[in-house]
Amino acid sequence: MEFVIDDIQLKRATAAAWTALNPVLLPGEPGVETDTRKTKIGDGVTAWNSLSYSVATPDTHNHDAAYAALNHNHDASYATAGHNHNATYASLGHNHDATYAKADGSTGTVRINYGKTGELVVSTGVSRFYPPRDMTITKWEMWVGVAPVGANIIASLNINGVASETMTLTAGTNYASATVSAPVLASDYLTIDFTQVGTTTKGSEVSIRLTGA
C-alpha cells in the first residue's frame, strides 16, 4: 500500500529570516517564527510574505518545541502523537534532533524531516532516524534560520554509520538542495554529520528534508 510521510518537525526561523527567504510552503506545511511564536500554514502556492498567520500554541511536551495549529479540520490539523484523530504523528527517539512523520496512504512519495535547534557545531550525528519503508532517497534539501558567514555548511548523510551523500550550503545563503540517489531499507538507520558550520557566524536552526519513493 502506498502512503506519504509528511513533515511535522516544523520549519522555523526568525521573522526577519522568513521575510527575506519568502519561501512557498507545501500544502498544509507549517512554519514558525522563533522570535514571535507566530505560525503560518502553506498552501503550495502563496509565498510566505502573503500568507496570513494562524493561531499557534507551543507544544510544551517536546524538546524541539513543535508548534500545533489545532483547527480541527481534515486538511491541516497538527498535533503530536496521540492527539489527532486524522493522522498519527510519531516523535522518533525523543531527543533534541527528533524526526516527526505521519502516514495517510495518499501517494507513493516519502518525505522525512530532520532538525537541529540552536547554533550548529561540528559534530558526528548520534540521533538516528529511520526510513518508513525500503525506498531510494532522490532529493536532499537544507534550510537554516541564520545563514553561515565565513565558511559554508557541509553536512554528510550517513546510512548505518557510513557516509553516503554530502550537502554544501553556501555561506551567506539559507537554502541548498541536491539530487541524490541513496537506496535505503526500512531496517537502516540514518544520521547527519556536520563537518563545517561557518566561522564568523555559525549557521543555526537547521531543517533537512529527504524526499524519495
C-alpha atoms as a PDB file:
ATOM      1  CA  MET A   1       0.000   0.000   0.000  1.00  0.00           C
ATOM      2  CA  GLU A   2       1.341   3.418  -0.925  1.00  0.00           C
ATOM      3  CA  PHE A   3       1.488   6.189   1.634  1.00  0.00           C
ATOM      4  CA  VAL A   4       3.097   9.575   2.279  1.00  0.00           C
ATOM      5  CA  ILE A   5       5.324  10.731   5.094  1.00  0.00           C
ATOM      6  CA  ASP A   6       4.622  14.449   5.653  1.00  0.00           C
ATOM      7  CA  ASP A   7       6.531  16.913   7.789  1.00  0.00           C
ATOM      8  CA  ILE A   8       5.726  17.683  11.397  1.00  0.00           C
ATOM      9  CA  GLN A   9       9.198  18.768  12.515  1.00  0.00           C
ATOM     10  CA  LEU A  10       8.313  22.366  11.791  1.00  0.00           C
ATOM     11  CA  LYS A  11      10.454  24.721   9.776  1.00  0.00           C
ATOM     12  CA  ARG A  12      11.486  27.611  11.959  1.00  0.00           C
ATOM     13  CA  ALA A  13      13.404  30.871  11.620  1.00  0.00           C
ATOM     14  CA  THR A  14      13.209  34.432  12.848  1.00  0.00           C
ATOM     15  CA  ALA A  15      10.523  36.698  11.389  1.00  0.00           C
ATOM     16  CA  ALA A  16      13.202  38.646   9.512  1.00  0.00           C
ATOM     17  CA  ALA A  17      14.691  35.473   8.039  1.00  0.00           C
ATOM     18  CA  TRP A  18      11.271  34.253   6.857  1.00  0.00           C
ATOM     19  CA  THR A  19      10.622  37.625   5.229  1.00  0.00           C
ATOM     20  CA  ALA A  20      13.991  37.570   3.468  1.00  0.00           C
ATOM     21  CA  LEU A  21      13.579  33.971   2.248  1.00  0.00           C
ATOM     22  CA  ASN A  22       9.878  34.331   1.369  1.00  0.00           C
ATOM     23  CA  PRO A  23       9.502  30.587   0.582  1.00  0.00           C
ATOM     24  CA  VAL A  24       6.420  28.772  -0.672  1.00  0.00           C
ATOM     25  CA  LEU A  25       5.454  26.146   1.925  1.00  0.00           C
ATOM     26  CA  LEU A  26       3.913  22.843   0.918  1.00  0.00           C
ATOM     27  CA  PRO A  27       0.124  22.476   1.253  1.00  0.00           C
ATOM     28  CA  GLY A  28      -0.634  22.142   4.970  1.00  0.00           C
ATOM     29  CA  GLU A  29       3.031  22.669   5.919  1.00  0.00           C
ATOM     30  CA  PRO A  30       3.552  24.911   8.973  1.00  0.00           C
ATOM     31  CA  GLY A  31       6.348  27.417   9.551  1.00  0.00           C
ATOM     32  CA  VAL A  32       7.158  29.094  12.875  1.00  0.00           C
ATOM     33  CA  GLU A  33       8.737  32.456  13.651  1.00  0.00           C
ATOM     34  CA  THR A  34      11.038  31.647  16.566  1.00  0.00           C
ATOM     35  CA  ASP A  35      11.123  35.195  17.926  1.00  0.00           C
ATOM     36  CA  THR A  36       7.366  35.937  17.717  1.00  0.00           C
ATOM     37  CA  ARG A  37       5.982  32.372  18.101  1.00  0.00           C
ATOM     38  CA  LYS A  38       3.631  33.097  15.207  1.00  0.00           C
ATOM     39  CA  THR A  39       2.769  30.341  12.735  1.00  0.00           C
ATOM     40  CA  LYS A  40       1.744  30.275   9.084  1.00  0.00           C
ATOM     41  CA  ILE A  41       0.366  27.304   7.136  1.00  0.00           C
ATOM     42  CA  GLY A  42       1.382  26.827   3.494  1.00  0.00           C
ATOM     43  CA  ASP A  43      -0.949  26.173   0.583  1.00  0.00           C
ATOM     44  CA  GLY A  44       1.670  25.164  -2.008  1.00  0.00           C
ATOM     45  CA  VAL A  45       1.123  28.391  -3.985  1.00  0.00           C
ATOM     46  CA  THR A  46       1.303  31.502  -1.807  1.00  0.00           C
ATOM     47  CA  ALA A  47       4.713  32.856  -0.757  1.00  0.00           C
ATOM     48  CA  TRP A  48       5.378  33.362   2.965  1.00  0.00           C
ATOM     49  CA  ASN A  49       5.004  37.139   2.970  1.00  0.00           C
ATOM     50  CA  SER A  50       1.489  36.873   1.519  1.00  0.00           C
ATOM     51  CA  LEU A  51       0.256  34.148   3.885  1.00  0.00           C
ATOM     52  CA  SER A  52      -1.892  35.009   6.883  1.00  0.00           C
ATOM     53  CA  TYR A  53      -0.837  33.993  10.388  1.00  0.00           C
ATOM     54  CA  SER A  54      -2.513  31.057  12.086  1.00  0.00           C
ATOM     55  CA  VAL A  55      -3.237  30.705  15.768  1.00  0.00           C
ATOM     56  CA  ALA A  56      -0.434  28.559  17.179  1.00  0.00           C
ATOM     57  CA  THR A  57       0.399  27.182  20.583  1.00  0.00           C
ATOM     58  CA  PRO A  58       3.778  25.800  21.659  1.00  0.00           C
ATOM     59  CA  ASP A  59       3.902  22.081  22.389  1.00  0.00           C
ATOM     60  CA  THR A  60       5.473  22.072  25.847  1.00  0.00           C
ATOM     61  CA  HIS A  61       5.941  18.301  25.777  1.00  0.00           C
ATOM     62  CA  ASN A  62       8.602  18.323  23.067  1.00  0.00           C
ATOM     63  CA  HIS A  63      12.216  19.457  23.476  1.00  0.00           C
ATOM     64  CA  ASP A  64      12.227  20.882  19.962  1.00  0.00           C
ATOM     65  CA  ALA A  65       9.018  22.870  20.752  1.00  0.00           C
ATOM     66  CA  ALA A  66       6.986  21.787  17.724  1.00  0.00           C
ATOM     67  CA  TYR A  67       4.034  24.096  17.433  1.00  0.00           C
ATOM     68  CA  ALA A  68       0.476  22.892  16.861  1.00  0.00           C
ATOM     69  CA  ALA A  69      -2.169  24.822  14.949  1.00  0.00           C
ATOM     70  CA  LEU A  70      -5.195  22.975  16.276  1.00  0.00           C
ATOM     71  CA  ASN A  71      -8.019  23.999  13.951  1.00  0.00           C
ATOM     72  CA  HIS A  72      -9.661  20.557  13.849  1.00  0.00           C
ATOM     73  CA  ASN A  73     -10.042  20.378  10.080  1.00  0.00           C
ATOM     74  CA  HIS A  74      -9.199  17.388   7.930  1.00  0.00           C
ATOM     75  CA  ASP A  75      -6.621  19.161   5.773  1.00  0.00           C
ATOM     76  CA  ALA A  76      -4.371  20.961   8.266  1.00  0.00           C
ATOM     77  CA  SER A  77      -4.739  19.731  11.832  1.00  0.00           C
ATOM     78  CA  TYR A  78      -1.345  19.456  13.526  1.00  0.00           C
ATOM     79  CA  ALA A  79      -0.512  17.760  16.800  1.00  0.00           C
ATOM     80  CA  THR A  80       1.976  15.423  18.405  1.00  0.00           C
ATOM     81  CA  ALA A  81       1.365  11.702  18.583  1.00  0.00           C
ATOM     82  CA  GLY A  82      -1.936  10.629  20.036  1.00  0.00           C
ATOM     83  CA  HIS A  83      -3.740  13.968  19.884  1.00  0.00           C
ATOM     84  CA  ASN A  84      -5.217  13.874  16.388  1.00  0.00           C
ATOM     85  CA  HIS A  85      -7.838  11.504  15.002  1.00  0.00           C
ATOM     86  CA  ASN A  86      -6.976  12.288  11.362  1.00  0.00           C
ATOM     87  CA  ALA A  87      -3.248  11.495  11.380  1.00  0.00           C
ATOM     88  CA  THR A  88      -0.739   9.706  13.545  1.00  0.00           C
ATOM     89  CA  TYR A  89       2.412  11.694  14.377  1.00  0.00           C
ATOM     90  CA  ALA A  90       5.390   9.984  15.951  1.00  0.00           C
ATOM     91  CA  SER A  91       8.305  11.533  17.811  1.00  0.00           C
ATOM     92  CA  LEU A  92      11.178   9.225  16.895  1.00  0.00           C
ATOM     93  CA  GLY A  93      13.830   8.861  19.554  1.00  0.00           C
ATOM     94  CA  HIS A  94      12.524  11.579  21.923  1.00  0.00           C
ATOM     95  CA  ASN A  95      15.700  13.628  21.508  1.00  0.00           C
ATOM     96  CA  HIS A  96      16.504  17.209  20.585  1.00  0.00           C
ATOM     97  CA  ASP A  97      17.146  16.191  16.967  1.00  0.00           C
ATOM     98  CA  ALA A  98      13.870  14.282  16.639  1.00  0.00           C
ATOM     99  CA  THR A  99      12.255  13.444  13.329  1.00  0.00           C
ATOM    100  CA  TYR A 100       8.466  13.543  13.014  1.00  0.00           C
ATOM    101  CA  ALA A 101       6.361  11.780  10.425  1.00  0.00           C
ATOM    102  CA  LYS A 102       2.801  10.814   9.542  1.00  0.00           C
ATOM    103  CA  ALA A 103       1.323   8.302   7.111  1.00  0.00           C
ATOM    104  CA  ASP A 104      -2.040   8.809   5.436  1.00  0.00           C
ATOM    105  CA  GLY A 105      -1.968   6.448   2.469  1.00  0.00           C
ATOM    106  CA  SER A 106      -2.356   9.137  -0.190  1.00  0.00           C
ATOM    107  CA  THR A 107       0.682   8.812  -2.520  1.00  0.00           C
ATOM    108  CA  GLY A 108       3.923   6.912  -3.025  1.00  0.00           C
ATOM    109  CA  THR A 109       6.119   9.928  -2.235  1.00  0.00           C
ATOM    110  CA  VAL A 110       8.057   9.798   1.018  1.00  0.00           C
ATOM    111  CA  ARG A 111       9.338  12.897   2.819  1.00  0.00           C
ATOM    112  CA  ILE A 112      11.383  12.750   6.020  1.00  0.00           C
ATOM    113  CA  ASN A 113      12.426  15.825   8.018  1.00  0.00           C
ATOM    114  CA  TYR A 114      15.293  16.186  10.457  1.00  0.00           C
ATOM    115  CA  GLY A 115      16.016  19.288  12.532  1.00  0.00           C
ATOM    116  CA  LYS A 116      18.524  20.763  14.966  1.00  0.00           C
ATOM    117  CA  THR A 117      17.745  23.753  17.135  1.00  0.00           C
ATOM    118  CA  GLY A 118      20.264  26.423  18.087  1.00  0.00           C
ATOM    119  CA  GLU A 119      23.696  27.182  16.672  1.00  0.00           C
ATOM    120  CA  LEU A 120      25.416  24.410  14.734  1.00  0.00           C
ATOM    121  CA  VAL A 121      28.686  22.883  15.872  1.00  0.00           C
ATOM    122  CA  VAL A 122      30.998  20.485  14.076  1.00  0.00           C
ATOM    123  CA  SER A 123      29.664  17.129  15.192  1.00  0.00           C
ATOM    124  CA  THR A 124      29.160  13.476  14.394  1.00  0.00           C
ATOM    125  CA  GLY A 125      25.487  12.540  14.178  1.00  0.00           C
ATOM    126  CA  VAL A 126      24.243  10.404  17.053  1.00  0.00           C
ATOM    127  CA  SER A 127      20.476  10.894  16.700  1.00  0.00           C
ATOM    128  CA  ARG A 128      19.144   8.150  14.458  1.00  0.00           C
ATOM    129  CA  PHE A 129      16.101   8.391  12.223  1.00  0.00           C
ATOM    130  CA  TYR A 130      14.623   5.737  10.007  1.00  0.00           C
ATOM    131  CA  PRO A 131      13.057   5.267   6.554  1.00  0.00           C
ATOM    132  CA  PRO A 132       9.394   4.240   6.780  1.00  0.00           C
ATOM    133  CA  ARG A 133       9.987   1.502   4.189  1.00  0.00           C
ATOM    134  CA  ASP A 134      12.500   0.352   1.571  1.00  0.00           C
ATOM    135  CA  MET A 135      12.997   3.372  -0.703  1.00  0.00           C
ATOM    136  CA  THR A 136      15.501   5.451  -2.653  1.00  0.00           C
ATOM    137  CA  ILE A 137      16.231   8.965  -1.452  1.00  0.00           C
ATOM    138  CA  THR A 138      16.383  11.187  -4.544  1.00  0.00           C
ATOM    139  CA  LYS A 139      16.470  14.730  -3.151  1.00  0.00           C
ATOM    140  CA  TRP A 140      18.151  16.346  -0.172  1.00  0.00           C
ATOM    141  CA  GLU A 141      17.212  19.873   0.970  1.00  0.00           C
ATOM    142  CA  MET A 142      18.600  22.008   3.783  1.00  0.00           C
ATOM    143  CA  TRP A 143      17.322  25.243   5.339  1.00  0.00           C
ATOM    144  CA  VAL A 144      18.895  27.379   8.074  1.00  0.00           C
ATOM    145  CA  GLY A 145      17.271  30.191  10.035  1.00  0.00           C
ATOM    146  CA  VAL A 146      20.603  32.032  10.316  1.00  0.00           C
ATOM    147  CA  ALA A 147      22.982  31.782   7.364  1.00  0.00           C
ATOM    148  CA  PRO A 148      26.636  30.863   7.950  1.00  0.00           C
ATOM    149  CA  VAL A 149      29.274  33.564   7.409  1.00  0.00           C
ATOM    150  CA  GLY A 150      32.949  32.997   6.640  1.00  0.00           C
ATOM    151  CA  ALA A 151      32.572  29.381   5.508  1.00  0.00           C
ATOM    152  CA  ASN A 152      29.992  27.021   4.039  1.00  0.00           C
ATOM    153  CA  ILE A 153      27.976  24.473   5.975  1.00  0.00           C
ATOM    154  CA  ILE A 154      28.975  20.956   4.936  1.00  0.00           C
ATOM    155  CA  ALA A 155      26.817  18.040   6.063  1.00  0.00           C
ATOM    156  CA  SER A 156      27.054  14.304   5.460  1.00  0.00           C
ATOM    157  CA  LEU A 157      24.127  11.885   5.275  1.00  0.00           C
ATOM    158  CA  ASN A 158      25.145   8.551   6.756  1.00  0.00           C
ATOM    159  CA  ILE A 159      23.434   5.200   6.247  1.00  0.00           C
ATOM    160  CA  ASN A 160      24.172   2.759   9.060  1.00  0.00           C
ATOM    161  CA  GLY A 161      27.090   4.969  10.091  1.00  0.00           C
ATOM    162  CA  VAL A 162      28.667   5.072   6.610  1.00  0.00           C
ATOM    163  CA  ALA A 163      28.802   8.346   4.655  1.00  0.00           C
ATOM    164  CA  SER A 164      26.505   8.224   1.626  1.00  0.00           C
ATOM    165  CA  GLU A 165      25.854  11.786   0.414  1.00  0.00           C
ATOM    166  CA  THR A 166      27.325  15.233   1.100  1.00  0.00           C
ATOM    167  CA  MET A 167      25.484  18.560   1.088  1.00  0.00           C
ATOM    168  CA  THR A 168      27.038  22.050   0.930  1.00  0.00           C
ATOM    169  CA  LEU A 169      25.067  25.147   1.919  1.00  0.00           C
ATOM    170  CA  THR A 170      26.971  28.201   0.676  1.00  0.00           C
ATOM    171  CA  ALA A 171      27.978  30.882   3.175  1.00  0.00           C
ATOM    172  CA  GLY A 172      25.540  33.778   3.215  1.00  0.00           C
ATOM    173  CA  THR A 173      22.592  31.681   1.993  1.00  0.00           C
ATOM    174  CA  ASN A 174      19.718  29.977   3.809  1.00  0.00           C
ATOM    175  CA  TYR A 175      18.852  27.099   1.461  1.00  0.00           C
ATOM    176  CA  ALA A 176      20.546  24.360  -0.547  1.00  0.00           C
ATOM    177  CA  SER A 177      19.306  21.306  -2.441  1.00  0.00           C
ATOM    178  CA  ALA A 178      20.879  18.395  -4.255  1.00  0.00           C
ATOM    179  CA  THR A 179      19.727  15.499  -6.419  1.00  0.00           C
ATOM    180  CA  VAL A 180      20.985  12.244  -4.909  1.00  0.00           C
ATOM    181  CA  SER A 181      20.487   8.521  -5.299  1.00  0.00           C
ATOM    182  CA  ALA A 182      20.635   6.716  -1.972  1.00  0.00           C
ATOM    183  CA  PRO A 183      18.796   3.384  -1.675  1.00  0.00           C
ATOM    184  CA  VAL A 184      17.838   2.554   1.900  1.00  0.00           C
ATOM    185  CA  LEU A 185      15.988  -0.264   3.632  1.00  0.00           C
ATOM    186  CA  ALA A 186      13.374   0.118   6.338  1.00  0.00           C
ATOM    187  CA  SER A 187      15.855  -1.575   8.684  1.00  0.00           C
ATOM    188  CA  ASP A 188      18.600   1.030   8.001  1.00  0.00           C
ATOM    189  CA  TYR A 189      19.247   3.994  10.259  1.00  0.00           C
ATOM    190  CA  LEU A 190      20.227   7.478   9.122  1.00  0.00           C
ATOM    191  CA  THR A 191      22.364  10.113  10.834  1.00  0.00           C
ATOM    192  CA  ILE A 192      23.679  13.549   9.851  1.00  0.00           C
ATOM    193  CA  ASP A 193      27.267  14.753  10.444  1.00  0.00           C
ATOM    194  CA  PHE A 194      28.230  18.432  10.280  1.00  0.00           C
ATOM    195  CA  THR A 195      31.873  18.783   9.260  1.00  0.00           C
ATOM    196  CA  GLN A 196      31.786  22.564   8.673  1.00  0.00           C
ATOM    197  CA  VAL A 197      29.277  25.078  10.056  1.00  0.00           C
ATOM    198  CA  GLY A 198      30.594  28.585   9.278  1.00  0.00           C
ATOM    199  CA  THR A 199      33.286  30.630  11.031  1.00  0.00           C
ATOM    200  CA  THR A 200      32.456  34.302  11.624  1.00  0.00           C
ATOM    201  CA  THR A 201      28.816  33.333  12.103  1.00  0.00           C
ATOM    202  CA  LYS A 202      27.799  29.728  12.518  1.00  0.00           C
ATOM    203  CA  GLY A 203      24.598  28.543  10.855  1.00  0.00           C
ATOM    204  CA  SER A 204      21.696  27.814  13.176  1.00  0.00           C
ATOM    205  CA  GLU A 205      18.146  26.435  13.278  1.00  0.00           C
ATOM    206  CA  VAL A 206      18.696  23.836  10.585  1.00  0.00           C
ATOM    207  CA  SER A 207      15.968  21.764   8.911  1.00  0.00           C
ATOM    208  CA  ILE A 208      16.714  18.947   6.484  1.00  0.00           C
ATOM    209  CA  ARG A 209      14.227  17.227   4.192  1.00  0.00           C
ATOM    210  CA  LEU A 210      14.894  13.924   2.420  1.00  0.00           C
ATOM    211  CA  THR A 211      12.495  13.048  -0.398  1.00  0.00           C
ATOM    212  CA  GLY A 212      12.194   9.773  -2.263  1.00  0.00           C
ATOM    213  CA  ALA A 213       9.947   6.871  -3.184  1.00  0.00           C
END
